[in-house]
Amino acid sequence: MTKPRTKTFEELTAEIEDGKKKIRQFENREKLLRQKLSQEERRTRSHRLIVRGAVFESIVPEAKDMTDEEAAALLRLALTSEPAREYLKKRAGGTTS
């Protein structure tokens, strides 16, 4: 039986460099994928905010003429009412007290 040939110093060094190159390629690929994921999350959030804003304006047409502060105050007032709090508790699966 013949003994397997051992690799030379140059061959081992080239293999190490090839491995490092592949690592850099995978790291760059990971970075691109993370950027795509972040963009998709931003797009999804923007879409959700637009849809919910449109729902709010369709329910409260006067909201179109309100300042942001006035709209926020109205929402705070509406969402701190007892029926709203009960609804949110039930939605979260909590118990009512």
PDB file of N, CA and C in Angstrom:
ATOM      1  N   MET A   1       0.844  -1.184   0.000  1.00  0.00           N
ATOM      2  CA  MET A   1       0.000   0.000   0.000  1.00  0.00           C
ATOM      3  C   MET A   1       0.888   1.247   0.000  1.00  0.00           C
ATOM      4  N   THR A   2       0.451   2.219  -0.777  1.00  0.00           N
ATOM      5  CA  THR A   2       1.258   3.434  -0.833  1.00  0.00           C
ATOM      6  C   THR A   2       0.742   4.448   0.176  1.00  0.00           C
ATOM      7  N   LYS A   3       1.679   5.172   0.707  1.00  0.00           N
ATOM      8  CA  LYS A   3       1.371   6.206   1.693  1.00  0.00           C
ATOM      9  C   LYS A   3       0.830   7.439   0.970  1.00  0.00           C
ATOM     10  N   PRO A   4      -0.291   8.071   1.471  1.00  0.00           N
ATOM     11  CA  PRO A   4      -0.809   9.261   0.801  1.00  0.00           C
ATOM     12  C   PRO A   4       0.237  10.380   0.801  1.00  0.00           C
ATOM     13  N   ARG A   5       0.277  11.110  -0.294  1.00  0.00           N
ATOM     14  CA  ARG A   5       1.251  12.185  -0.429  1.00  0.00           C
ATOM     15  C   ARG A   5       0.905  13.322   0.532  1.00  0.00           C
ATOM     16  N   THR A   6       1.879  13.821   1.247  1.00  0.00           N
ATOM     17  CA  THR A   6       1.653  14.948   2.144  1.00  0.00           C
ATOM     18  C   THR A   6       1.709  16.238   1.330  1.00  0.00           C
ATOM     19  N   LYS A   7       0.930  17.192   1.753  1.00  0.00           N
ATOM     20  CA  LYS A   7       0.856  18.447   1.018  1.00  0.00           C
ATOM     21  C   LYS A   7       2.059  19.318   1.363  1.00  0.00           C
ATOM     22  N   THR A   8       2.431  20.112   0.402  1.00  0.00           N
ATOM     23  CA  THR A   8       3.564  21.013   0.614  1.00  0.00           C
ATOM     24  C   THR A   8       3.097  22.237   1.397  1.00  0.00           C
ATOM     25  N   PHE A   9       4.061  22.982   1.889  1.00  0.00           N
ATOM     26  CA  PHE A   9       3.784  24.222   2.619  1.00  0.00           C
ATOM     27  C   PHE A   9       2.963  25.170   1.757  1.00  0.00           C
ATOM     28  N   GLU A  10       3.317  25.299   0.494  1.00  0.00           N
ATOM     29  CA  GLU A  10       2.612  26.195  -0.423  1.00  0.00           C
ATOM     30  C   GLU A  10       1.168  25.743  -0.637  1.00  0.00           C
ATOM     31  N   GLU A  11       0.961  24.434  -0.760  1.00  0.00           N
ATOM     32  CA  GLU A  11      -0.388  23.914  -0.953  1.00  0.00           C
ATOM     33  C   GLU A  11      -1.257  24.166   0.279  1.00  0.00           C
ATOM     34  N   LEU A  12      -0.665  23.964   1.451  1.00  0.00           N
ATOM     35  CA  LEU A  12      -1.407  24.215   2.701  1.00  0.00           C
ATOM     36  C   LEU A  12      -1.733  25.698   2.845  1.00  0.00           C
ATOM     37  N   THR A  13      -0.774  26.546   2.517  1.00  0.00           N
ATOM     38  CA  THR A  13      -0.993  27.991   2.598  1.00  0.00           C
ATOM     39  C   THR A  13      -2.099  28.409   1.625  1.00  0.00           C
ATOM     40  N   ALA A  14      -2.074  27.853   0.415  1.00  0.00           N
ATOM     41  CA  ALA A  14      -3.106  28.174  -0.579  1.00  0.00           C
ATOM     42  C   ALA A  14      -4.473  27.707  -0.090  1.00  0.00           C
ATOM     43  N   GLU A  15      -4.526  26.552   0.560  1.00  0.00           N
ATOM     44  CA  GLU A  15      -5.792  26.039   1.101  1.00  0.00           C
ATOM     45  C   GLU A  15      -6.332  26.961   2.187  1.00  0.00           C
ATOM     46  N   ILE A  16      -5.437  27.441   3.040  1.00  0.00           N
ATOM     47  CA  ILE A  16      -5.838  28.373   4.107  1.00  0.00           C
ATOM     48  C   ILE A  16      -6.395  29.653   3.486  1.00  0.00           C
ATOM     49  N   GLU A  17      -5.708  30.190   2.496  1.00  0.00           N
ATOM     50  CA  GLU A  17      -6.172  31.419   1.839  1.00  0.00           C
ATOM     51  C   GLU A  17      -7.519  31.199   1.159  1.00  0.00           C
ATOM     52  N   ASP A  18      -7.689  30.036   0.547  1.00  0.00           N
ATOM     53  CA  ASP A  18      -8.967  29.716  -0.087  1.00  0.00           C
ATOM     54  C   ASP A  18     -10.082  29.656   0.967  1.00  0.00           C
ATOM     55  N   GLY A  19      -9.765  29.062   2.099  1.00  0.00           N
ATOM     56  CA  GLY A  19     -10.745  28.993   3.194  1.00  0.00           C
ATOM     57  C   GLY A  19     -11.114  30.377   3.702  1.00  0.00           C
ATOM     58  N   LYS A  20     -10.102  31.241   3.851  1.00  0.00           N
ATOM     59  CA  LYS A  20     -10.358  32.613   4.306  1.00  0.00           C
ATOM     60  C   LYS A  20     -11.227  33.372   3.297  1.00  0.00           C
ATOM     61  N   LYS A  21     -10.970  33.134   1.997  1.00  0.00           N
ATOM     62  CA  LYS A  21     -11.755  33.786   0.954  1.00  0.00           C
ATOM     63  C   LYS A  21     -13.215  33.340   1.036  1.00  0.00           C
ATOM     64  N   LYS A  22     -13.420  32.049   1.249  1.00  0.00           N
ATOM     65  CA  LYS A  22     -14.785  31.535   1.367  1.00  0.00           C
ATOM     66  C   LYS A  22     -15.482  32.109   2.593  1.00  0.00           C
ATOM     67  N   ILE A  23     -14.749  32.249   3.688  1.00  0.00           N
ATOM     68  CA  ILE A  23     -15.325  32.846   4.903  1.00  0.00           C
ATOM     69  C   ILE A  23     -15.771  34.274   4.614  1.00  0.00           C
ATOM     70  N   ARG A  24     -14.924  35.062   3.942  1.00  0.00           N
ATOM     71  CA  ARG A  24     -15.285  36.447   3.604  1.00  0.00           C
ATOM     72  C   ARG A  24     -16.524  36.481   2.708  1.00  0.00           C
ATOM     73  N   GLN A  25     -16.603  35.539   1.754  1.00  0.00           N
ATOM     74  CA  GLN A  25     -17.762  35.491   0.865  1.00  0.00           C
ATOM     75  C   GLN A  25     -19.039  35.183   1.656  1.00  0.00           C
ATOM     76  N   PHE A  26     -18.950  34.234   2.589  1.00  0.00           N
ATOM     77  CA  PHE A  26     -20.124  33.905   3.402  1.00  0.00           C
ATOM     78  C   PHE A  26     -20.504  35.061   4.319  1.00  0.00           C
ATOM     79  N   GLU A  27     -19.508  35.760   4.858  1.00  0.00           N
ATOM     80  CA  GLU A  27     -19.808  36.914   5.712  1.00  0.00           C
ATOM     81  C   GLU A  27     -20.492  38.019   4.904  1.00  0.00           C
ATOM     82  N   ASN A  28     -20.017  38.244   3.672  1.00  0.00           N
ATOM     83  CA  ASN A  28     -20.657  39.254   2.812  1.00  0.00           C
ATOM     84  C   ASN A  28     -22.072  38.832   2.457  1.00  0.00           C
ATOM     85  N   ARG A  29     -22.258  37.553   2.185  1.00  0.00           N
ATOM     86  CA  ARG A  29     -23.599  37.043   1.862  1.00  0.00           C
ATOM     87  C   ARG A  29     -24.534  37.225   3.060  1.00  0.00           C
ATOM     88  N   GLU A  30     -24.020  36.927   4.255  1.00  0.00           N
ATOM     89  CA  GLU A  30     -24.819  37.113   5.470  1.00  0.00           C
ATOM     90  C   GLU A  30     -25.209  38.582   5.631  1.00  0.00           C
ATOM     91  N   LYS A  31     -24.252  39.480   5.393  1.00  0.00           N
ATOM     92  CA  LYS A  31     -24.521  40.914   5.513  1.00  0.00           C
ATOM     93  C   LYS A  31     -25.629  41.337   4.543  1.00  0.00           C
ATOM     94  N   LEU A  32     -25.561  40.861   3.289  1.00  0.00           N
ATOM     95  CA  LEU A  32     -26.591  41.193   2.301  1.00  0.00           C
ATOM     96  C   LEU A  32     -27.954  40.657   2.715  1.00  0.00           C
ATOM     97  N   LEU A  33     -27.975  39.432   3.227  1.00  0.00           N
ATOM     98  CA  LEU A  33     -29.244  38.837   3.648  1.00  0.00           C
ATOM     99  C   LEU A  33     -29.837  39.593   4.835  1.00  0.00           C
ATOM    100  N   ARG A  34     -28.987  40.016   5.767  1.00  0.00           N
ATOM    101  CA  ARG A  34     -29.474  40.797   6.916  1.00  0.00           C
ATOM    102  C   ARG A  34     -30.042  42.136   6.447  1.00  0.00           C
ATOM    103  N   GLN A  35     -29.401  42.760   5.462  1.00  0.00           N
ATOM    104  CA  GLN A  35     -29.905  44.024   4.914  1.00  0.00           C
ATOM    105  C   GLN A  35     -31.262  43.813   4.247  1.00  0.00           C
ATOM    106  N   LYS A  36     -31.401  42.729   3.479  1.00  0.00           N
ATOM    107  CA  LYS A  36     -32.679  42.433   2.834  1.00  0.00           C
ATOM    108  C   LYS A  36     -33.767  42.199   3.877  1.00  0.00           C
ATOM    109  N   LEU A  37     -33.430  41.473   4.933  1.00  0.00           N
ATOM    110  CA  LEU A  37     -34.393  41.215   6.003  1.00  0.00           C
ATOM    111  C   LEU A  37     -34.818  42.522   6.659  1.00  0.00           C
ATOM    112  N   SER A  38     -33.858  43.391   6.928  1.00  0.00           N
ATOM    113  CA  SER A  38     -34.157  44.682   7.547  1.00  0.00           C
ATOM    114  C   SER A  38     -35.059  45.520   6.640  1.00  0.00           C
ATOM    115  N   GLN A  39     -34.777  45.528   5.342  1.00  0.00           N
ATOM    116  CA  GLN A  39     -35.611  46.270   4.397  1.00  0.00           C
ATOM    117  C   GLN A  39     -37.023  45.711   4.354  1.00  0.00           C
ATOM    118  N   GLU A  40     -37.139  44.393   4.379  1.00  0.00           N
ATOM    119  CA  GLU A  40     -38.461  43.762   4.349  1.00  0.00           C
ATOM    120  C   GLU A  40     -39.243  44.092   5.624  1.00  0.00           C
ATOM    121  N   GLU A  41     -38.549  44.092   6.767  1.00  0.00           N
ATOM    122  CA  GLU A  41     -39.216  44.440   8.028  1.00  0.00           C
ATOM    123  C   GLU A  41     -39.692  45.890   7.997  1.00  0.00           C
ATOM    124  N   ARG A  42     -38.858  46.798   7.460  1.00  0.00           N
ATOM    125  CA  ARG A  42     -39.258  48.212   7.345  1.00  0.00           C
ATOM    126  C   ARG A  42     -40.446  48.360   6.411  1.00  0.00           C
ATOM    127  N   ARG A  43     -40.427  47.650   5.269  1.00  0.00           N
ATOM    128  CA  ARG A  43     -41.524  47.723   4.310  1.00  0.00           C
ATOM    129  C   ARG A  43     -42.822  47.220   4.945  1.00  0.00           C
ATOM    130  N   THR A  44     -42.729  46.120   5.679  1.00  0.00           N
ATOM    131  CA  THR A  44     -43.909  45.555   6.339  1.00  0.00           C
ATOM    132  C   THR A  44     -44.451  46.523   7.385  1.00  0.00           C
ATOM    133  N   ARG A  45     -43.568  47.129   8.160  1.00  0.00           N
ATOM    134  CA  ARG A  45     -44.002  48.084   9.185  1.00  0.00           C
ATOM    135  C   ARG A  45     -44.649  49.309   8.531  1.00  0.00           C
ATOM    136  N   SER A  46     -44.033  49.833   7.482  1.00  0.00           N
ATOM    137  CA  SER A  46     -44.590  50.997   6.787  1.00  0.00           C
ATOM    138  C   SER A  46     -45.975  50.684   6.242  1.00  0.00           C
ATOM    139  N   HIS A  47     -46.134  49.530   5.646  1.00  0.00           N
ATOM    140  CA  HIS A  47     -47.430  49.128   5.111  1.00  0.00           C
ATOM    141  C   HIS A  47     -48.471  49.055   6.227  1.00  0.00           C
ATOM    142  N   ARG A  48     -48.089  48.434   7.351  1.00  0.00           N
ATOM    143  CA  ARG A  48     -49.015  48.308   8.478  1.00  0.00           C
ATOM    144  C   ARG A  48     -49.435  49.687   8.991  1.00  0.00           C
ATOM    145  N   LEU A  49     -48.485  50.603   9.120  1.00  0.00           N
ATOM    146  CA  LEU A  49     -48.798  51.948   9.617  1.00  0.00           C
ATOM    147  C   LEU A  49     -49.720  52.695   8.654  1.00  0.00           C
ATOM    148  N   ILE A  50     -49.477  52.555   7.370  1.00  0.00           N
ATOM    149  CA  ILE A  50     -50.328  53.223   6.380  1.00  0.00           C
ATOM    150  C   ILE A  50     -51.746  52.667   6.429  1.00  0.00           C
ATOM    151  N   VAL A  51     -51.866  51.353   6.483  1.00  0.00           N
ATOM    152  CA  VAL A  51     -53.193  50.725   6.518  1.00  0.00           C
ATOM    153  C   VAL A  51     -53.940  51.147   7.777  1.00  0.00           C
ATOM    154  N   ARG A  52     -53.261  51.117   8.913  1.00  0.00           N
ATOM    155  CA  ARG A  52     -53.938  51.470  10.168  1.00  0.00           C
ATOM    156  C   ARG A  52     -54.290  52.951  10.216  1.00  0.00           C
ATOM    157  N   GLY A  53     -53.445  53.791   9.645  1.00  0.00           N
ATOM    158  CA  GLY A  53     -53.769  55.213   9.560  1.00  0.00           C
ATOM    159  C   GLY A  53     -54.996  55.443   8.691  1.00  0.00           C
ATOM    160  N   ALA A  54     -55.091  54.690   7.603  1.00  0.00           N
ATOM    161  CA  ALA A  54     -56.251  54.809   6.713  1.00  0.00           C
ATOM    162  C   ALA A  54     -57.516  54.335   7.423  1.00  0.00           C
ATOM    163  N   VAL A  55     -57.412  53.274   8.198  1.00  0.00           N
ATOM    164  CA  VAL A  55     -58.571  52.786   8.961  1.00  0.00           C
ATOM    165  C   VAL A  55     -59.008  53.862   9.951  1.00  0.00           C
ATOM    166  N   PHE A  56     -58.047  54.443  10.656  1.00  0.00           N
ATOM    167  CA  PHE A  56     -58.354  55.496  11.631  1.00  0.00           C
ATOM    168  C   PHE A  56     -59.078  56.656  10.948  1.00  0.00           C
ATOM    169  N   GLU A  57     -58.562  57.103   9.798  1.00  0.00           N
ATOM    170  CA  GLU A  57     -59.205  58.217   9.095  1.00  0.00           C
ATOM    171  C   GLU A  57     -60.567  57.843   8.528  1.00  0.00           C
ATOM    172  N   SER A  58     -60.761  56.565   8.190  1.00  0.00           N
ATOM    173  CA  SER A  58     -62.076  56.178   7.680  1.00  0.00           C
ATOM    174  C   SER A  58     -63.107  56.136   8.803  1.00  0.00           C
ATOM    175  N   ILE A  59     -62.668  55.825  10.016  1.00  0.00           N
ATOM    176  CA  ILE A  59     -63.583  55.780  11.165  1.00  0.00           C
ATOM    177  C   ILE A  59     -63.806  57.186  11.728  1.00  0.00           C
ATOM    178  N   VAL A  60     -62.750  57.993  11.709  1.00  0.00           N
ATOM    179  CA  VAL A  60     -62.827  59.356  12.244  1.00  0.00           C
ATOM    180  C   VAL A  60     -62.444  60.324  11.115  1.00  0.00           C
ATOM    181  N   PRO A  61     -63.388  60.666  10.249  1.00  0.00           N
ATOM    182  CA  PRO A  61     -63.064  61.557   9.127  1.00  0.00           C
ATOM    183  C   PRO A  61     -62.480  62.897   9.576  1.00  0.00           C
ATOM    184  N   GLU A  62     -62.873  63.343  10.771  1.00  0.00           N
ATOM    185  CA  GLU A  62     -62.358  64.623  11.299  1.00  0.00           C
ATOM    186  C   GLU A  62     -60.850  64.565  11.544  1.00  0.00           C
ATOM    187  N   ALA A  63     -60.297  63.370  11.605  1.00  0.00           N
ATOM    188  CA  ALA A  63     -58.864  63.216  11.879  1.00  0.00           C
ATOM    189  C   ALA A  63     -58.014  63.871  10.797  1.00  0.00           C
ATOM    190  N   LYS A  64     -58.563  63.985   9.605  1.00  0.00           N
ATOM    191  CA  LYS A  64     -57.811  64.614   8.505  1.00  0.00           C
ATOM    192  C   LYS A  64     -57.452  66.053   8.824  1.00  0.00           C
ATOM    193  N   ASP A  65     -58.297  66.713   9.613  1.00  0.00           N
ATOM    194  CA  ASP A  65     -58.063  68.126   9.954  1.00  0.00           C
ATOM    195  C   ASP A  65     -57.387  68.299  11.306  1.00  0.00           C
ATOM    196  N   MET A  66     -57.063  67.193  11.987  1.00  0.00           N
ATOM    197  CA  MET A  66     -56.427  67.268  13.307  1.00  0.00           C
ATOM    198  C   MET A  66     -54.908  67.333  13.170  1.00  0.00           C
ATOM    199  N   THR A  67     -54.300  67.937  14.184  1.00  0.00           N
ATOM    200  CA  THR A  67     -52.836  67.876  14.257  1.00  0.00           C
ATOM    201  C   THR A  67     -52.462  66.476  14.764  1.00  0.00           C
ATOM    202  N   ASP A  68     -51.208  66.138  14.656  1.00  0.00           N
ATOM    203  CA  ASP A  68     -50.758  64.840  15.172  1.00  0.00           C
ATOM    204  C   ASP A  68     -51.029  64.722  16.674  1.00  0.00           C
ATOM    205  N   GLU A  69     -50.819  65.814  17.380  1.00  0.00           N
ATOM    206  CA  GLU A  69     -51.047  65.812  18.825  1.00  0.00           C
ATOM    207  C   GLU A  69     -52.525  65.594  19.160  1.00  0.00           C
ATOM    208  N   GLU A  70     -53.405  66.244  18.392  1.00  0.00           N
ATOM    209  CA  GLU A  70     -54.844  66.072  18.621  1.00  0.00           C
ATOM    210  C   GLU A  70     -55.285  64.640  18.326  1.00  0.00           C
ATOM    211  N   ALA A  71     -54.762  64.065  17.249  1.00  0.00           N
ATOM    212  CA  ALA A  71     -55.109  62.677  16.905  1.00  0.00           C
ATOM    213  C   ALA A  71     -54.602  61.729  17.987  1.00  0.00           C
ATOM    214  N   ALA A  72     -53.393  61.980  18.489  1.00  0.00           N
ATOM    215  CA  ALA A  72     -52.835  61.132  19.553  1.00  0.00           C
ATOM    216  C   ALA A  72     -53.671  61.255  20.821  1.00  0.00           C
ATOM    217  N   ALA A  73     -54.106  62.479  21.149  1.00  0.00           N
ATOM    218  CA  ALA A  73     -54.935  62.684  22.342  1.00  0.00           C
ATOM    219  C   ALA A  73     -56.265  61.945  22.206  1.00  0.00           C
ATOM    220  N   LEU A  74     -56.873  62.002  21.017  1.00  0.00           N
ATOM    221  CA  LEU A  74     -58.128  61.292  20.785  1.00  0.00           C
ATOM    222  C   LEU A  74     -57.943  59.782  20.965  1.00  0.00           C
ATOM    223  N   LEU A  75     -56.882  59.253  20.389  1.00  0.00           N
ATOM    224  CA  LEU A  75     -56.622  57.812  20.524  1.00  0.00           C
ATOM    225  C   LEU A  75     -56.378  57.422  21.983  1.00  0.00           C
ATOM    226  N   ARG A  76     -55.607  58.254  22.694  1.00  0.00           N
ATOM    227  CA  ARG A  76     -55.366  57.962  24.117  1.00  0.00           C
ATOM    228  C   ARG A  76     -56.681  57.940  24.895  1.00  0.00           C
ATOM    229  N   LEU A  77     -57.510  58.931  24.638  1.00  0.00           N
ATOM    230  CA  LEU A  77     -58.794  59.022  25.316  1.00  0.00           C
ATOM    231  C   LEU A  77     -59.659  57.804  24.976  1.00  0.00           C
ATOM    232  N   ALA A  78     -59.735  57.475  23.707  1.00  0.00           N
ATOM    233  CA  ALA A  78     -60.572  56.346  23.276  1.00  0.00           C
ATOM    234  C   ALA A  78     -60.043  55.016  23.820  1.00  0.00           C
ATOM    235  N   LEU A  79     -58.741  54.852  23.835  1.00  0.00           N
ATOM    236  CA  LEU A  79     -58.172  53.561  24.226  1.00  0.00           C
ATOM    237  C   LEU A  79     -58.023  53.378  25.732  1.00  0.00           C
ATOM    238  N   THR A  80     -58.270  54.440  26.485  1.00  0.00           N
ATOM    239  CA  THR A  80     -58.245  54.279  27.937  1.00  0.00           C
ATOM    240  C   THR A  80     -59.653  54.131  28.502  1.00  0.00           C
ATOM    241  N   SER A  81     -60.657  54.126  27.627  1.00  0.00           N
ATOM    242  CA  SER A  81     -62.030  53.905  28.095  1.00  0.00           C
ATOM    243  C   SER A  81     -62.166  52.463  28.576  1.00  0.00           C
ATOM    244  N   GLU A  82     -63.114  52.231  29.452  1.00  0.00           N
ATOM    245  CA  GLU A  82     -63.297  50.883  30.007  1.00  0.00           C
ATOM    246  C   GLU A  82     -63.596  49.837  28.931  1.00  0.00           C
ATOM    247  N   PRO A  83     -64.492  50.103  27.968  1.00  0.00           N
ATOM    248  CA  PRO A  83     -64.729  49.086  26.923  1.00  0.00           C
ATOM    249  C   PRO A  83     -63.462  48.756  26.121  1.00  0.00           C
ATOM    250  N   ALA A  84     -62.665  49.775  25.832  1.00  0.00           N
ATOM    251  CA  ALA A  84     -61.427  49.527  25.079  1.00  0.00           C
ATOM    252  C   ALA A  84     -60.459  48.698  25.906  1.00  0.00           C
ATOM    253  N   ARG A  85     -60.338  49.000  27.195  1.00  0.00           N
ATOM    254  CA  ARG A  85     -59.431  48.246  28.067  1.00  0.00           C
ATOM    255  C   ARG A  85     -59.876  46.791  28.181  1.00  0.00           C
ATOM    256  N   GLU A  86     -61.183  46.566  28.298  1.00  0.00           N
ATOM    257  CA  GLU A  86     -61.712  45.199  28.374  1.00  0.00           C
ATOM    258  C   GLU A  86     -61.418  44.440  27.081  1.00  0.00           C
ATOM    259  N   TYR A  87     -61.649  45.106  25.957  1.00  0.00           N
ATOM    260  CA  TYR A  87     -61.384  44.470  24.663  1.00  0.00           C
ATOM    261  C   TYR A  87     -59.913  44.067  24.562  1.00  0.00           C
ATOM    262  N   LEU A  88     -59.023  44.982  24.936  1.00  0.00           N
ATOM    263  CA  LEU A  88     -57.596  44.690  24.840  1.00  0.00           C
ATOM    264  C   LEU A  88     -57.186  43.565  25.793  1.00  0.00           C
ATOM    265  N   LYS A  89     -57.787  43.511  26.973  1.00  0.00           N
ATOM    266  CA  LYS A  89     -57.495  42.418  27.906  1.00  0.00           C
ATOM    267  C   LYS A  89     -57.924  41.082  27.317  1.00  0.00           C
ATOM    268  N   LYS A  90     -59.138  41.051  26.754  1.00  0.00           N
ATOM    269  CA  LYS A  90     -59.631  39.810  26.145  1.00  0.00           C
ATOM    270  C   LYS A  90     -58.756  39.418  24.966  1.00  0.00           C
ATOM    271  N   ARG A  91     -58.368  40.398  24.162  1.00  0.00           N
ATOM    272  CA  ARG A  91     -57.515  40.145  22.996  1.00  0.00           C
ATOM    273  C   ARG A  91     -56.175  39.567  23.397  1.00  0.00           C
ATOM    274  N   ALA A  92     -55.645  40.035  24.531  1.00  0.00           N
ATOM    275  CA  ALA A  92     -54.355  39.549  25.008  1.00  0.00           C
ATOM    276  C   ALA A  92     -54.491  38.222  25.748  1.00  0.00           C
ATOM    277  N   GLY A  93     -55.723  37.798  25.978  1.00  0.00           N
ATOM    278  CA  GLY A  93     -55.940  36.528  26.694  1.00  0.00           C
ATOM    279  C   GLY A  93     -55.857  36.684  28.188  1.00  0.00           C
ATOM    280  N   GLY A  94     -55.851  37.916  28.662  1.00  0.00           N
ATOM    281  CA  GLY A  94     -55.788  38.168  30.094  1.00  0.00           C
ATOM    282  C   GLY A  94     -57.139  38.013  30.749  1.00  0.00           C
ATOM    283  N   THR A  95     -57.137  38.018  32.048  1.00  0.00           N
ATOM    284  CA  THR A  95     -58.396  37.941  32.768  1.00  0.00           C
ATOM    285  C   THR A  95     -58.844  39.347  33.135  1.00  0.00           C
ATOM    286  N   THR A  96     -60.128  39.498  33.266  1.00  0.00           N
ATOM    287  CA  THR A  96     -60.660  40.819  33.643  1.00  0.00           C
ATOM    288  C   THR A  96     -60.743  40.878  35.161  1.00  0.00           C
ATOM    289  N   SER A  97     -60.573  42.080  35.693  1.00  0.00           N
ATOM    290  CA  SER A  97     -60.675  42.221  37.147  1.00  0.00           C
ATOM    291  C   SER A  97     -61.771  43.161  37.549  1.00  0.00           C
TER     292      SER A  97
END
